[in-house]
Amino acid sequence: MKDDAALGQLARAHGVLSSYRDVQGRERTASPDTLRALLSASPVAAESARLVRESLEALANDGRFQALGKVMNEDRGKTSLGARGDDT
């Protein structure tokens, strides 16, 4: 597995998306430096390719981890910002 692909897999395993589509349908991809910075906010070793591989191996050996394929989240309902004003 290539270094960037492994970093992306590690990020996804910890709930960090490596890319998304913006409102105009363009795919936006996080840089490896951005993924490393986001992972560093949690106790995940991702500062080098070796540490990324070791972190992935640790996850694979953890009985609670299960790799998932690509998941799509789609909301076809009304947009909500999660805040309530005085008039609601």
PDB file of N, CA and C in Angstrom:
ATOM      1  N   MET A   1       0.841  -1.172   0.000  1.00  0.00           N
ATOM      2  CA  MET A   1       0.000   0.000   0.000  1.00  0.00           C
ATOM      3  C   MET A   1       0.890   1.241   0.000  1.00  0.00           C
ATOM      4  N   LYS A   2       0.561   2.180  -0.853  1.00  0.00           N
ATOM      5  CA  LYS A   2       1.356   3.406  -0.924  1.00  0.00           C
ATOM      6  C   LYS A   2       1.130   4.247   0.326  1.00  0.00           C
ATOM      7  N   ASP A   3       2.100   5.100   0.622  1.00  0.00           N
ATOM      8  CA  ASP A   3       2.070   5.887   1.854  1.00  0.00           C
ATOM      9  C   ASP A   3       0.819   6.751   1.979  1.00  0.00           C
ATOM     10  N   ASP A   4       0.449   7.492   0.913  1.00  0.00           N
ATOM     11  CA  ASP A   4      -0.728   8.362   0.987  1.00  0.00           C
ATOM     12  C   ASP A   4      -2.011   7.555   1.133  1.00  0.00           C
ATOM     13  N   ALA A   5      -2.087   6.403   0.464  1.00  0.00           N
ATOM     14  CA  ALA A   5      -3.269   5.549   0.583  1.00  0.00           C
ATOM     15  C   ALA A   5      -3.385   5.003   1.999  1.00  0.00           C
ATOM     16  N   ALA A   6      -2.271   4.612   2.584  1.00  0.00           N
ATOM     17  CA  ALA A   6      -2.277   4.107   3.960  1.00  0.00           C
ATOM     18  C   ALA A   6      -2.692   5.211   4.926  1.00  0.00           C
ATOM     19  N   LEU A   7      -2.196   6.420   4.712  1.00  0.00           N
ATOM     20  CA  LEU A   7      -2.576   7.546   5.558  1.00  0.00           C
ATOM     21  C   LEU A   7      -4.070   7.818   5.441  1.00  0.00           C
ATOM     22  N   GLY A   8      -4.605   7.762   4.227  1.00  0.00           N
ATOM     23  CA  GLY A   8      -6.041   7.947   4.023  1.00  0.00           C
ATOM     24  C   GLY A   8      -6.859   6.877   4.719  1.00  0.00           C
ATOM     25  N   GLN A   9      -6.392   5.637   4.670  1.00  0.00           N
ATOM     26  CA  GLN A   9      -7.095   4.543   5.344  1.00  0.00           C
ATOM     27  C   GLN A   9      -7.079   4.750   6.856  1.00  0.00           C
ATOM     28  N   LEU A  10      -5.948   5.153   7.393  1.00  0.00           N
ATOM     29  CA  LEU A  10      -5.844   5.401   8.829  1.00  0.00           C
ATOM     30  C   LEU A  10      -6.761   6.551   9.234  1.00  0.00           C
ATOM     31  N   ALA A  11      -6.787   7.599   8.434  1.00  0.00           N
ATOM     32  CA  ALA A  11      -7.661   8.736   8.729  1.00  0.00           C
ATOM     33  C   ALA A  11      -9.122   8.294   8.744  1.00  0.00           C
ATOM     34  N   ARG A  12      -9.562   7.554   7.723  1.00  0.00           N
ATOM     35  CA  ARG A  12     -10.950   7.077   7.674  1.00  0.00           C
ATOM     36  C   ARG A  12     -11.281   6.203   8.872  1.00  0.00           C
ATOM     37  N   ALA A  13     -10.337   5.377   9.283  1.00  0.00           N
ATOM     38  CA  ALA A  13     -10.570   4.498  10.435  1.00  0.00           C
ATOM     39  C   ALA A  13     -10.808   5.296  11.710  1.00  0.00           C
ATOM     40  N   HIS A  14     -10.310   6.532  11.731  1.00  0.00           N
ATOM     41  CA  HIS A  14     -10.487   7.390  12.902  1.00  0.00           C
ATOM     42  C   HIS A  14     -11.508   8.491  12.651  1.00  0.00           C
ATOM     43  N   GLY A  15     -12.332   8.325  11.625  1.00  0.00           N
ATOM     44  CA  GLY A  15     -13.426   9.255  11.370  1.00  0.00           C
ATOM     45  C   GLY A  15     -13.051  10.526  10.647  1.00  0.00           C
ATOM     46  N   VAL A  16     -11.891  10.564  10.018  1.00  0.00           N
ATOM     47  CA  VAL A  16     -11.442  11.752   9.285  1.00  0.00           C
ATOM     48  C   VAL A  16     -11.573  11.470   7.788  1.00  0.00           C
ATOM     49  N   LEU A  17     -12.384  12.246   7.105  1.00  0.00           N
ATOM     50  CA  LEU A  17     -12.544  12.078   5.665  1.00  0.00           C
ATOM     51  C   LEU A  17     -11.360  12.689   4.932  1.00  0.00           C
ATOM     52  N   SER A  18     -10.874  11.994   3.923  1.00  0.00           N
ATOM     53  CA  SER A  18      -9.746  12.521   3.159  1.00  0.00           C
ATOM     54  C   SER A  18     -10.204  13.330   1.952  1.00  0.00           C
ATOM     55  N   SER A  19     -11.483  13.232   1.604  1.00  0.00           N
ATOM     56  CA  SER A  19     -12.014  14.031   0.502  1.00  0.00           C
ATOM     57  C   SER A  19     -13.521  14.182   0.659  1.00  0.00           C
ATOM     58  N   TYR A  20     -14.064  15.159  -0.069  1.00  0.00           N
ATOM     59  CA  TYR A  20     -15.503  15.399  -0.077  1.00  0.00           C
ATOM     60  C   TYR A  20     -15.854  16.144  -1.354  1.00  0.00           C
ATOM     61  N   ARG A  21     -17.136  16.217  -1.666  1.00  0.00           N
ATOM     62  CA  ARG A  21     -17.606  17.002  -2.811  1.00  0.00           C
ATOM     63  C   ARG A  21     -18.238  18.277  -2.273  1.00  0.00           C
ATOM     64  N   ASP A  22     -17.826  19.404  -2.855  1.00  0.00           N
ATOM     65  CA  ASP A  22     -18.381  20.675  -2.405  1.00  0.00           C
ATOM     66  C   ASP A  22     -19.759  20.889  -3.039  1.00  0.00           C
ATOM     67  N   VAL A  23     -20.403  22.020  -2.739  1.00  0.00           N
ATOM     68  CA  VAL A  23     -21.765  22.263  -3.214  1.00  0.00           C
ATOM     69  C   VAL A  23     -21.843  22.371  -4.733  1.00  0.00           C
ATOM     70  N   GLN A  24     -20.732  22.602  -5.394  1.00  0.00           N
ATOM     71  CA  GLN A  24     -20.714  22.672  -6.850  1.00  0.00           C
ATOM     72  C   GLN A  24     -20.313  21.340  -7.482  1.00  0.00           C
ATOM     73  N   GLY A  25     -20.174  20.311  -6.666  1.00  0.00           N
ATOM     74  CA  GLY A  25     -19.871  18.977  -7.171  1.00  0.00           C
ATOM     75  C   GLY A  25     -18.403  18.690  -7.403  1.00  0.00           C
ATOM     76  N   ARG A  26     -17.523  19.621  -7.041  1.00  0.00           N
ATOM     77  CA  ARG A  26     -16.084  19.405  -7.218  1.00  0.00           C
ATOM     78  C   ARG A  26     -15.534  18.608  -6.044  1.00  0.00           C
ATOM     79  N   GLU A  27     -14.693  17.653  -6.363  1.00  0.00           N
ATOM     80  CA  GLU A  27     -14.070  16.869  -5.292  1.00  0.00           C
ATOM     81  C   GLU A  27     -12.926  17.670  -4.678  1.00  0.00           C
ATOM     82  N   ARG A  28     -12.934  17.733  -3.369  1.00  0.00           N
ATOM     83  CA  ARG A  28     -11.881  18.412  -2.613  1.00  0.00           C
ATOM     84  C   ARG A  28     -11.150  17.350  -1.814  1.00  0.00           C
ATOM     85  N   THR A  29      -9.826  17.350  -1.889  1.00  0.00           N
ATOM     86  CA  THR A  29      -9.027  16.329  -1.219  1.00  0.00           C
ATOM     87  C   THR A  29      -8.081  16.978  -0.227  1.00  0.00           C
ATOM     88  N   ALA A  30      -8.046  16.425   0.970  1.00  0.00           N
ATOM     89  CA  ALA A  30      -7.129  16.925   2.000  1.00  0.00           C
ATOM     90  C   ALA A  30      -5.711  16.474   1.677  1.00  0.00           C
ATOM     91  N   SER A  31      -4.761  17.327   1.940  1.00  0.00           N
ATOM     92  CA  SER A  31      -3.357  16.972   1.710  1.00  0.00           C
ATOM     93  C   SER A  31      -2.889  16.004   2.800  1.00  0.00           C
ATOM     94  N   PRO A  32      -1.833  15.249   2.541  1.00  0.00           N
ATOM     95  CA  PRO A  32      -1.278  14.379   3.587  1.00  0.00           C
ATOM     96  C   PRO A  32      -0.911  15.157   4.852  1.00  0.00           C
ATOM     97  N   ASP A  33      -0.383  16.376   4.698  1.00  0.00           N
ATOM     98  CA  ASP A  33      -0.046  17.182   5.879  1.00  0.00           C
ATOM     99  C   ASP A  33      -1.286  17.514   6.702  1.00  0.00           C
ATOM    100  N   THR A  34      -2.398  17.800   6.020  1.00  0.00           N
ATOM    101  CA  THR A  34      -3.648  18.091   6.729  1.00  0.00           C
ATOM    102  C   THR A  34      -4.135  16.862   7.479  1.00  0.00           C
ATOM    103  N   LEU A  35      -4.090  15.696   6.830  1.00  0.00           N
ATOM    104  CA  LEU A  35      -4.527  14.465   7.497  1.00  0.00           C
ATOM    105  C   LEU A  35      -3.664  14.174   8.718  1.00  0.00           C
ATOM    106  N   ARG A  36      -2.359  14.354   8.586  1.00  0.00           N
ATOM    107  CA  ARG A  36      -1.462  14.127   9.731  1.00  0.00           C
ATOM    108  C   ARG A  36      -1.782  15.094  10.873  1.00  0.00           C
ATOM    109  N   ALA A  37      -2.053  16.352  10.535  1.00  0.00           N
ATOM    110  CA  ALA A  37      -2.378  17.345  11.566  1.00  0.00           C
ATOM    111  C   ALA A  37      -3.674  16.981  12.280  1.00  0.00           C
ATOM    112  N   LEU A  38      -4.676  16.536  11.533  1.00  0.00           N
ATOM    113  CA  LEU A  38      -5.940  16.146  12.154  1.00  0.00           C
ATOM    114  C   LEU A  38      -5.765  14.912  13.037  1.00  0.00           C
ATOM    115  N   LEU A  39      -4.990  13.946  12.566  1.00  0.00           N
ATOM    116  CA  LEU A  39      -4.756  12.744  13.368  1.00  0.00           C
ATOM    117  C   LEU A  39      -3.930  13.051  14.608  1.00  0.00           C
ATOM    118  N   SER A  40      -3.065  14.056  14.521  1.00  0.00           N
ATOM    119  CA  SER A  40      -2.237  14.388  15.687  1.00  0.00           C
ATOM    120  C   SER A  40      -3.063  14.971  16.826  1.00  0.00           C
ATOM    121  N   ALA A  41      -4.281  15.428  16.517  1.00  0.00           N
ATOM    122  CA  ALA A  41      -5.166  15.939  17.568  1.00  0.00           C
ATOM    123  C   ALA A  41      -5.708  14.806  18.439  1.00  0.00           C
ATOM    124  N   SER A  42      -5.582  13.583  17.977  1.00  0.00           N
ATOM    125  CA  SER A  42      -5.975  12.412  18.766  1.00  0.00           C
ATOM    126  C   SER A  42      -4.714  11.577  18.995  1.00  0.00           C
ATOM    127  N   PRO A  43      -4.800  10.582  19.826  1.00  0.00           N
ATOM    128  CA  PRO A  43      -3.582   9.798  20.105  1.00  0.00           C
ATOM    129  C   PRO A  43      -3.253   8.789  19.004  1.00  0.00           C
ATOM    130  N   VAL A  44      -3.083   9.271  17.775  1.00  0.00           N
ATOM    131  CA  VAL A  44      -2.780   8.398  16.642  1.00  0.00           C
ATOM    132  C   VAL A  44      -1.409   8.774  16.090  1.00  0.00           C
ATOM    133  N   ALA A  45      -0.523   7.805  16.029  1.00  0.00           N
ATOM    134  CA  ALA A  45       0.824   8.041  15.498  1.00  0.00           C
ATOM    135  C   ALA A  45       0.767   8.020  13.974  1.00  0.00           C
ATOM    136  N   ALA A  46       1.009   9.184  13.353  1.00  0.00           N
ATOM    137  CA  ALA A  46       0.941   9.272  11.896  1.00  0.00           C
ATOM    138  C   ALA A  46       1.992  10.222  11.333  1.00  0.00           C
ATOM    139  N   GLU A  47       3.044  10.477  12.098  1.00  0.00           N
ATOM    140  CA  GLU A  47       4.047  11.464  11.688  1.00  0.00           C
ATOM    141  C   GLU A  47       4.947  10.982  10.556  1.00  0.00           C
ATOM    142  N   SER A  48       5.003   9.678  10.325  1.00  0.00           N
ATOM    143  CA  SER A  48       5.840   9.131   9.256  1.00  0.00           C
ATOM    144  C   SER A  48       5.132   7.930   8.644  1.00  0.00           C
ATOM    145  N   ALA A  49       5.617   7.501   7.486  1.00  0.00           N
ATOM    146  CA  ALA A  49       5.029   6.336   6.821  1.00  0.00           C
ATOM    147  C   ALA A  49       5.126   5.097   7.710  1.00  0.00           C
ATOM    148  N   ARG A  50       6.235   4.947   8.415  1.00  0.00           N
ATOM    149  CA  ARG A  50       6.410   3.794   9.304  1.00  0.00           C
ATOM    150  C   ARG A  50       5.377   3.817  10.424  1.00  0.00           C
ATOM    151  N   LEU A  51       5.158   4.978  11.028  1.00  0.00           N
ATOM    152  CA  LEU A  51       4.180   5.078  12.117  1.00  0.00           C
ATOM    153  C   LEU A  51       2.756   4.861  11.612  1.00  0.00           C
ATOM    154  N   VAL A  52       2.466   5.312  10.399  1.00  0.00           N
ATOM    155  CA  VAL A  52       1.145   5.063   9.814  1.00  0.00           C
ATOM    156  C   VAL A  52       0.935   3.565   9.655  1.00  0.00           C
ATOM    157  N   ARG A  53       1.930   2.857   9.104  1.00  0.00           N
ATOM    158  CA  ARG A  53       1.815   1.395   8.947  1.00  0.00           C
ATOM    159  C   ARG A  53       1.629   0.715  10.294  1.00  0.00           C
ATOM    160  N   GLU A  54       2.393   1.134  11.298  1.00  0.00           N
ATOM    161  CA  GLU A  54       2.267   0.533  12.629  1.00  0.00           C
ATOM    162  C   GLU A  54       0.893   0.804  13.229  1.00  0.00           C
ATOM    163  N   SER A  55       0.367   1.998  13.027  1.00  0.00           N
ATOM    164  CA  SER A  55      -0.968   2.320  13.542  1.00  0.00           C
ATOM    165  C   SER A  55      -2.032   1.483  12.850  1.00  0.00           C
ATOM    166  N   LEU A  56      -1.888   1.281  11.530  1.00  0.00           N
ATOM    167  CA  LEU A  56      -2.838   0.430  10.809  1.00  0.00           C
ATOM    168  C   LEU A  56      -2.748  -1.016  11.278  1.00  0.00           C
ATOM    169  N   GLU A  57      -1.542  -1.501  11.513  1.00  0.00           N
ATOM    170  CA  GLU A  57      -1.375  -2.871  12.018  1.00  0.00           C
ATOM    171  C   GLU A  57      -2.015  -3.016  13.391  1.00  0.00           C
ATOM    172  N   ALA A  58      -1.847  -2.013  14.241  1.00  0.00           N
ATOM    173  CA  ALA A  58      -2.455  -2.061  15.574  1.00  0.00           C
ATOM    174  C   ALA A  58      -3.974  -2.108  15.463  1.00  0.00           C
ATOM    175  N   LEU A  59      -4.545  -1.342  14.533  1.00  0.00           N
ATOM    176  CA  LEU A  59      -5.995  -1.383  14.329  1.00  0.00           C
ATOM    177  C   LEU A  59      -6.442  -2.739  13.808  1.00  0.00           C
ATOM    178  N   ALA A  60      -5.678  -3.301  12.877  1.00  0.00           N
ATOM    179  CA  ALA A  60      -6.037  -4.601  12.310  1.00  0.00           C
ATOM    180  C   ALA A  60      -6.005  -5.697  13.368  1.00  0.00           C
ATOM    181  N   ASN A  61      -5.134  -5.553  14.352  1.00  0.00           N
ATOM    182  CA  ASN A  61      -5.029  -6.550  15.419  1.00  0.00           C
ATOM    183  C   ASN A  61      -6.028  -6.318  16.541  1.00  0.00           C
ATOM    184  N   ASP A  62      -6.714  -5.194  16.504  1.00  0.00           N
ATOM    185  CA  ASP A  62      -7.710  -4.855  17.519  1.00  0.00           C
ATOM    186  C   ASP A  62      -9.041  -5.474  17.094  1.00  0.00           C
ATOM    187  N   GLY A  63      -9.622  -6.291  17.903  1.00  0.00           N
ATOM    188  CA  GLY A  63     -10.866  -6.970  17.569  1.00  0.00           C
ATOM    189  C   GLY A  63     -12.040  -6.041  17.353  1.00  0.00           C
ATOM    190  N   ARG A  64     -11.936  -4.788  17.800  1.00  0.00           N
ATOM    191  CA  ARG A  64     -13.045  -3.845  17.642  1.00  0.00           C
ATOM    192  C   ARG A  64     -13.045  -3.165  16.288  1.00  0.00           C
ATOM    193  N   PHE A  65     -11.944  -3.258  15.536  1.00  0.00           N
ATOM    194  CA  PHE A  65     -11.818  -2.548  14.265  1.00  0.00           C
ATOM    195  C   PHE A  65     -12.297  -3.419  13.126  1.00  0.00           C
ATOM    196  N   GLN A  66     -13.090  -2.826  12.242  1.00  0.00           N
ATOM    197  CA  GLN A  66     -13.508  -3.518  11.029  1.00  0.00           C
ATOM    198  C   GLN A  66     -13.427  -2.512   9.889  1.00  0.00           C
ATOM    199  N   ALA A  67     -12.647  -2.823   8.898  1.00  0.00           N
ATOM    200  CA  ALA A  67     -12.509  -1.911   7.758  1.00  0.00           C
ATOM    201  C   ALA A  67     -13.815  -1.853   6.986  1.00  0.00           C
ATOM    202  N   LEU A  68     -14.205  -0.655   6.603  1.00  0.00           N
ATOM    203  CA  LEU A  68     -15.419  -0.452   5.827  1.00  0.00           C
ATOM    204  C   LEU A  68     -15.049   0.019   4.435  1.00  0.00           C
ATOM    205  N   GLY A  69     -15.902  -0.289   3.489  1.00  0.00           N
ATOM    206  CA  GLY A  69     -15.725   0.245   2.148  1.00  0.00           C
ATOM    207  C   GLY A  69     -16.172   1.694   2.119  1.00  0.00           C
ATOM    208  N   LYS A  70     -16.317   2.225   0.932  1.00  0.00           N
ATOM    209  CA  LYS A  70     -16.739   3.607   0.774  1.00  0.00           C
ATOM    210  C   LYS A  70     -18.182   3.748   1.253  1.00  0.00           C
ATOM    211  N   VAL A  71     -18.429   4.745   2.056  1.00  0.00           N
ATOM    212  CA  VAL A  71     -19.759   4.981   2.608  1.00  0.00           C
ATOM    213  C   VAL A  71     -20.239   6.335   2.116  1.00  0.00           C
ATOM    214  N   MET A  72     -21.492   6.392   1.674  1.00  0.00           N
ATOM    215  CA  MET A  72     -22.049   7.662   1.223  1.00  0.00           C
ATOM    216  C   MET A  72     -23.095   8.124   2.226  1.00  0.00           C
ATOM    217  N   ASN A  73     -23.027   9.377   2.588  1.00  0.00           N
ATOM    218  CA  ASN A  73     -24.005   9.969   3.484  1.00  0.00           C
ATOM    219  C   ASN A  73     -24.810  10.963   2.674  1.00  0.00           C
ATOM    220  N   GLU A  74     -26.110  10.735   2.575  1.00  0.00           N
ATOM    221  CA  GLU A  74     -26.946  11.605   1.771  1.00  0.00           C
ATOM    222  C   GLU A  74     -28.152  12.013   2.589  1.00  0.00           C
ATOM    223  N   ASP A  75     -28.429  13.296   2.614  1.00  0.00           N
ATOM    224  CA  ASP A  75     -29.592  13.819   3.324  1.00  0.00           C
ATOM    225  C   ASP A  75     -30.497  14.464   2.294  1.00  0.00           C
ATOM    226  N   ARG A  76     -31.670  13.910   2.123  1.00  0.00           N
ATOM    227  CA  ARG A  76     -32.596  14.451   1.125  1.00  0.00           C
ATOM    228  C   ARG A  76     -33.656  15.333   1.767  1.00  0.00           C
ATOM    229  N   GLY A  77     -33.510  15.608   3.037  1.00  0.00           N
ATOM    230  CA  GLY A  77     -34.513  16.404   3.738  1.00  0.00           C
ATOM    231  C   GLY A  77     -34.136  17.861   3.837  1.00  0.00           C
ATOM    232  N   LYS A  78     -34.842  18.530   4.720  1.00  0.00           N
ATOM    233  CA  LYS A  78     -34.640  19.952   4.945  1.00  0.00           C
ATOM    234  C   LYS A  78     -33.304  20.189   5.639  1.00  0.00           C
ATOM    235  N   THR A  79     -32.613  21.230   5.232  1.00  0.00           N
ATOM    236  CA  THR A  79     -31.334  21.573   5.850  1.00  0.00           C
ATOM    237  C   THR A  79     -31.572  22.164   7.227  1.00  0.00           C
ATOM    238  N   SER A  80     -30.803  21.724   8.187  1.00  0.00           N
ATOM    239  CA  SER A  80     -30.911  22.225   9.554  1.00  0.00           C
ATOM    240  C   SER A  80     -29.527  22.577  10.057  1.00  0.00           C
ATOM    241  N   LEU A  81     -29.425  23.716  10.707  1.00  0.00           N
ATOM    242  CA  LEU A  81     -28.146  24.125  11.269  1.00  0.00           C
ATOM    243  C   LEU A  81     -28.000  23.673  12.714  1.00  0.00           C
ATOM    244  N   GLY A  82     -29.030  23.075  13.261  1.00  0.00           N
ATOM    245  CA  GLY A  82     -28.952  22.555  14.620  1.00  0.00           C
ATOM    246  C   GLY A  82     -29.150  23.606  15.699  1.00  0.00           C
ATOM    247  N   ALA A  83     -29.470  24.826  15.313  1.00  0.00           N
ATOM    248  CA  ALA A  83     -29.705  25.888  16.295  1.00  0.00           C
ATOM    249  C   ALA A  83     -31.178  26.276  16.244  1.00  0.00           C
ATOM    250  N   ARG A  84     -31.708  26.652  17.372  1.00  0.00           N
ATOM    251  CA  ARG A  84     -33.109  27.057  17.435  1.00  0.00           C
ATOM    252  C   ARG A  84     -33.182  28.517  17.845  1.00  0.00           C
ATOM    253  N   GLY A  85     -33.971  29.253  17.132  1.00  0.00           N
ATOM    254  CA  GLY A  85     -34.179  30.658  17.468  1.00  0.00           C
ATOM    255  C   GLY A  85     -35.367  30.820  18.395  1.00  0.00           C
ATOM    256  N   ASP A  86     -35.638  32.051  18.792  1.00  0.00           N
ATOM    257  CA  ASP A  86     -36.765  32.330  19.685  1.00  0.00           C
ATOM    258  C   ASP A  86     -38.108  32.076  19.027  1.00  0.00           C
ATOM    259  N   ASP A  87     -38.152  32.107  17.696  1.00  0.00           N
ATOM    260  CA  ASP A  87     -39.425  31.955  16.998  1.00  0.00           C
ATOM    261  C   ASP A  87     -39.784  30.508  16.697  1.00  0.00           C
ATOM    262  N   THR A  88     -39.044  29.531  17.205  1.00  0.00           N
ATOM    263  CA  THR A  88     -39.356  28.121  16.919  1.00  0.00           C
ATOM    264  C   THR A  88     -39.982  27.449  18.097  1.00  0.00           C
TER     265      THR A  88
END
